C-alpha atoms as a PDB file:
ATOM      1  CA  MET A   1      69.889 114.544   6.203  1.00  0.00           C
ATOM      2  CA  GLN A   2      67.420 112.103   4.641  1.00  0.00           C
ATOM      3  CA  ASP A   3      66.239 109.123   6.681  1.00  0.00           C
ATOM      4  CA  LYS A   4      67.453 105.776   5.410  1.00  0.00           C
ATOM      5  CA  LYS A   5      64.896 103.360   4.073  1.00  0.00           C
ATOM      6  CA  ILE A   6      64.188 100.334   6.244  1.00  0.00           C
ATOM      7  CA  SER A   7      63.943  97.010   4.437  1.00  0.00           C
ATOM      8  CA  LEU A   8      63.247  93.478   5.623  1.00  0.00           C
ATOM      9  CA  VAL A   9      64.484  90.616   3.471  1.00  0.00           C
ATOM     10  CA  THR A  10      63.394  87.101   4.409  1.00  0.00           C
ATOM     11  CA  GLY A  11      65.281  84.089   3.114  1.00  0.00           C
ATOM     12  CA  ALA A  12      68.400  86.259   2.921  1.00  0.00           C
ATOM     13  CA  SER A  13      70.967  83.536   3.615  1.00  0.00           C
ATOM     14  CA  SER A  14      71.336  82.538  -0.039  1.00  0.00           C
ATOM     15  CA  GLY A  15      70.181  83.036  -3.601  1.00  0.00           C
ATOM     16  CA  LEU A  16      67.880  85.848  -4.617  1.00  0.00           C
ATOM     17  CA  GLY A  17      67.237  86.998  -1.035  1.00  0.00           C
ATOM     18  CA  ARG A  18      70.951  87.389  -0.400  1.00  0.00           C
ATOM     19  CA  ASP A  19      71.457  89.294  -3.648  1.00  0.00           C
ATOM     20  CA  ILE A  20      68.537  91.632  -2.949  1.00  0.00           C
ATOM     21  CA  ALA A  21      69.855  92.341   0.563  1.00  0.00           C
ATOM     22  CA  LYS A  22      73.281  93.234  -0.867  1.00  0.00           C
ATOM     23  CA  LEU A  23      71.710  95.515  -3.483  1.00  0.00           C
ATOM     24  CA  LEU A  24      69.565  97.341  -0.917  1.00  0.00           C
ATOM     25  CA  CYS A  25      72.551  97.777   1.389  1.00  0.00           C
ATOM     26  CA  ALA A  26      74.532  99.274  -1.480  1.00  0.00           C
ATOM     27  CA  LYS A  27      71.607 101.684  -2.027  1.00  0.00           C
ATOM     28  CA  GLU A  28      71.970 102.928   1.573  1.00  0.00           C
ATOM     29  CA  HIS A  29      69.083 101.005   3.134  1.00  0.00           C
ATOM     30  CA  ILE A  30      69.136  99.628   6.645  1.00  0.00           C
ATOM     31  CA  VAL A  31      68.435  96.009   5.758  1.00  0.00           C
ATOM     32  CA  TYR A  32      67.074  93.609   8.324  1.00  0.00           C
ATOM     33  CA  VAL A  33      67.830  90.110   7.141  1.00  0.00           C
ATOM     34  CA  THR A  34      66.363  86.883   8.403  1.00  0.00           C
ATOM     35  CA  ALA A  35      66.829  83.192   7.712  1.00  0.00           C
ATOM     36  CA  ARG A  36      67.395  80.010   9.688  1.00  0.00           C
ATOM     37  CA  ARG A  37      71.133  79.860   8.928  1.00  0.00           C
ATOM     38  CA  LYS A  38      72.596  82.662  11.029  1.00  0.00           C
ATOM     39  CA  GLU A  39      76.178  81.900  10.004  1.00  0.00           C
ATOM     40  CA  LEU A  40      75.345  82.711   6.371  1.00  0.00           C
ATOM     41  CA  LEU A  41      73.713  85.973   7.450  1.00  0.00           C
ATOM     42  CA  GLU A  42      76.901  86.838   9.370  1.00  0.00           C
ATOM     43  CA  GLU A  43      78.909  86.267   6.165  1.00  0.00           C
ATOM     44  CA  LEU A  44      76.509  88.546   4.289  1.00  0.00           C
ATOM     45  CA  LYS A  45      76.957  91.260   6.912  1.00  0.00           C
ATOM     46  CA  LYS A  46      80.756  91.051   6.555  1.00  0.00           C
ATOM     47  CA  GLU A  47      80.521  91.252   2.760  1.00  0.00           C
ATOM     48  CA  CYS A  48      78.424  94.427   3.041  1.00  0.00           C
ATOM     49  CA  SER A  49      80.466  96.134   5.752  1.00  0.00           C
ATOM     50  CA  GLU A  50      81.928  98.689   3.323  1.00  0.00           C
ATOM     51  CA  GLU A  51      78.563  99.648   1.802  1.00  0.00           C
ATOM     52  CA  LYS A  52      76.689 102.845   2.639  1.00  0.00           C
ATOM     53  CA  GLY A  53      73.786 100.922   4.153  1.00  0.00           C
ATOM     54  CA  GLU A  54      73.744  98.481   7.025  1.00  0.00           C
ATOM     55  CA  ILE A  55      72.845  94.817   7.469  1.00  0.00           C
ATOM     56  CA  ARG A  56      71.089  93.916  10.722  1.00  0.00           C
ATOM     57  CA  ILE A  57      70.554  90.243  11.539  1.00  0.00           C
ATOM     58  CA  ILE A  58      67.552  88.688  13.246  1.00  0.00           C
ATOM     59  CA  SER A  59      67.710  84.983  12.510  1.00  0.00           C
ATOM     60  CA  GLY A  60      64.960  82.436  12.986  1.00  0.00           C
ATOM     61  CA  ASP A  61      62.506  80.006  11.435  1.00  0.00           C
ATOM     62  CA  LEU A  62      59.551  81.934  10.025  1.00  0.00           C
ATOM     63  CA  THR A  63      57.266  78.906  10.205  1.00  0.00           C
ATOM     64  CA  ASP A  64      57.090  79.722  13.932  1.00  0.00           C
ATOM     65  CA  SER A  65      54.676  82.574  14.698  1.00  0.00           C
ATOM     66  CA  LYS A  66      56.671  83.523  17.817  1.00  0.00           C
ATOM     67  CA  VAL A  67      59.732  84.114  15.639  1.00  0.00           C
ATOM     68  CA  ARG A  68      57.684  86.323  13.292  1.00  0.00           C
ATOM     69  CA  ILE A  69      56.292  88.341  16.205  1.00  0.00           C
ATOM     70  CA  ASN A  70      59.789  88.801  17.650  1.00  0.00           C
ATOM     71  CA  LEU A  71      61.188  89.826  14.255  1.00  0.00           C
ATOM     72  CA  ILE A  72      58.602  92.526  13.601  1.00  0.00           C
ATOM     73  CA  SER A  73      58.655  93.721  17.218  1.00  0.00           C
ATOM     74  CA  GLN A  74      62.427  94.172  17.157  1.00  0.00           C
ATOM     75  CA  ILE A  75      62.407  96.024  13.841  1.00  0.00           C
ATOM     76  CA  LEU A  76      59.582  98.356  14.843  1.00  0.00           C
ATOM     77  CA  LYS A  77      61.222  99.007  18.208  1.00  0.00           C
ATOM     78  CA  GLN A  78      64.611  99.779  16.629  1.00  0.00           C
ATOM     79  CA  ALA A  79      63.586 101.499  13.393  1.00  0.00           C
ATOM     80  CA  GLY A  80      59.969 102.509  13.958  1.00  0.00           C
ATOM     81  CA  LYS A  81      58.883 101.425  10.489  1.00  0.00           C
ATOM     82  CA  ILE A  82      59.411  99.049   7.600  1.00  0.00           C
ATOM     83  CA  ASP A  83      59.444 100.637   4.161  1.00  0.00           C
ATOM     84  CA  TYR A  84      59.977  97.465   2.128  1.00  0.00           C
ATOM     85  CA  LEU A  85      59.291  93.785   2.767  1.00  0.00           C
ATOM     86  CA  ILE A  86      60.960  91.375   0.382  1.00  0.00           C
ATOM     87  CA  ASN A  87      59.298  88.127   1.431  1.00  0.00           C
ATOM     88  CA  ASN A  88      61.708  85.743  -0.262  1.00  0.00           C
ATOM     89  CA  ALA A  89      61.580  82.864   2.252  1.00  0.00           C
ATOM     90  CA  GLY A  90      59.705  79.789   1.092  1.00  0.00           C
ATOM     91  CA  TYR A  91      59.969  76.088   0.612  1.00  0.00           C
ATOM     92  CA  GLY A  92      58.303  73.098  -0.965  1.00  0.00           C
ATOM     93  CA  LYS A  93      58.728  69.374  -1.309  1.00  0.00           C
ATOM     94  CA  LEU A  94      58.993  67.768  -4.716  1.00  0.00           C
ATOM     95  CA  ILE A  95      57.461  64.411  -3.856  1.00  0.00           C
ATOM     96  CA  ASN A  96      54.277  62.516  -4.683  1.00  0.00           C
ATOM     97  CA  LEU A  97      51.247  63.860  -2.840  1.00  0.00           C
ATOM     98  CA  GLU A  98      50.596  60.574  -1.061  1.00  0.00           C
ATOM     99  CA  ASN A  99      54.087  60.796   0.488  1.00  0.00           C
ATOM    100  CA  VAL A 100      53.727  64.303   1.888  1.00  0.00           C
ATOM    101  CA  GLU A 101      53.662  64.377   5.675  1.00  0.00           C
ATOM    102  CA  TYR A 102      51.327  66.681   7.574  1.00  0.00           C
ATOM    103  CA  LYS A 103      54.219  68.543   9.223  1.00  0.00           C
ATOM    104  CA  ASP A 104      55.519  69.439   5.758  1.00  0.00           C
ATOM    105  CA  ILE A 105      52.113  70.673   4.587  1.00  0.00           C
ATOM    106  CA  GLU A 106      51.749  72.778   7.718  1.00  0.00           C
ATOM    107  CA  GLY A 107      55.294  74.161   7.421  1.00  0.00           C
ATOM    108  CA  MET A 108      54.868  75.058   3.766  1.00  0.00           C
ATOM    109  CA  PHE A 109      51.564  76.789   4.442  1.00  0.00           C
ATOM    110  CA  GLN A 110      52.944  78.708   7.443  1.00  0.00           C
ATOM    111  CA  LEU A 111      55.979  79.943   5.515  1.00  0.00           C
ATOM    112  CA  ASN A 112      54.573  80.369   2.017  1.00  0.00           C
ATOM    113  CA  ALA A 113      51.124  81.778   2.873  1.00  0.00           C
ATOM    114  CA  VAL A 114      50.763  82.928   6.476  1.00  0.00           C
ATOM    115  CA  ALA A 115      54.198  84.429   7.202  1.00  0.00           C
ATOM    116  CA  GLY A 116      53.986  87.202   4.605  1.00  0.00           C
ATOM    117  CA  GLU A 117      50.652  88.473   5.892  1.00  0.00           C
ATOM    118  CA  HIS A 118      51.787  88.129   9.484  1.00  0.00           C
ATOM    119  CA  LEU A 119      54.935  90.156   8.775  1.00  0.00           C
ATOM    120  CA  VAL A 120      53.361  92.965   6.800  1.00  0.00           C
ATOM    121  CA  ALA A 121      50.095  93.590   8.665  1.00  0.00           C
ATOM    122  CA  PRO A 122      51.532  95.006  11.932  1.00  0.00           C
ATOM    123  CA  ALA A 123      54.048  97.160  10.078  1.00  0.00           C
ATOM    124  CA  CYS A 124      51.735  98.788   7.560  1.00  0.00           C
ATOM    125  CA  CYS A 125      48.296  98.584   9.112  1.00  0.00           C
ATOM    126  CA  LYS A 126      49.049  99.354  12.778  1.00  0.00           C
ATOM    127  CA  ARG A 127      47.524  95.990  13.706  1.00  0.00           C
ATOM    128  CA  LYS A 128      48.391  94.208  16.892  1.00  0.00           C
ATOM    129  CA  LEU A 129      50.860  91.343  16.777  1.00  0.00           C
END
């Protein structure tokens, strides 16, 4: 029996992330999904319940480093590896630069730049969280 591939899809509550998670589940992956909106992840899990793979939910806000550490720790503890990271989570504000608040700049940078590196490094490089 071949081991199932382990995938992590961020931003899986809607759009492209949701569609990728469904596709991977149909291709027999164990798919860890994360997003802030847990109720939408629960709907996704129900939709995929008849597929050959499995959806596993770990919800949270990836702008928070503690959430990222918990996410990776849980996956590595349960599955022992991550074969694929689909880092789909991201956000931006379409406003004039002079109206951007610091909290938005920090949030965008944490999610769009830092989170991907933080998620992949411990899983593929055996680095400490």
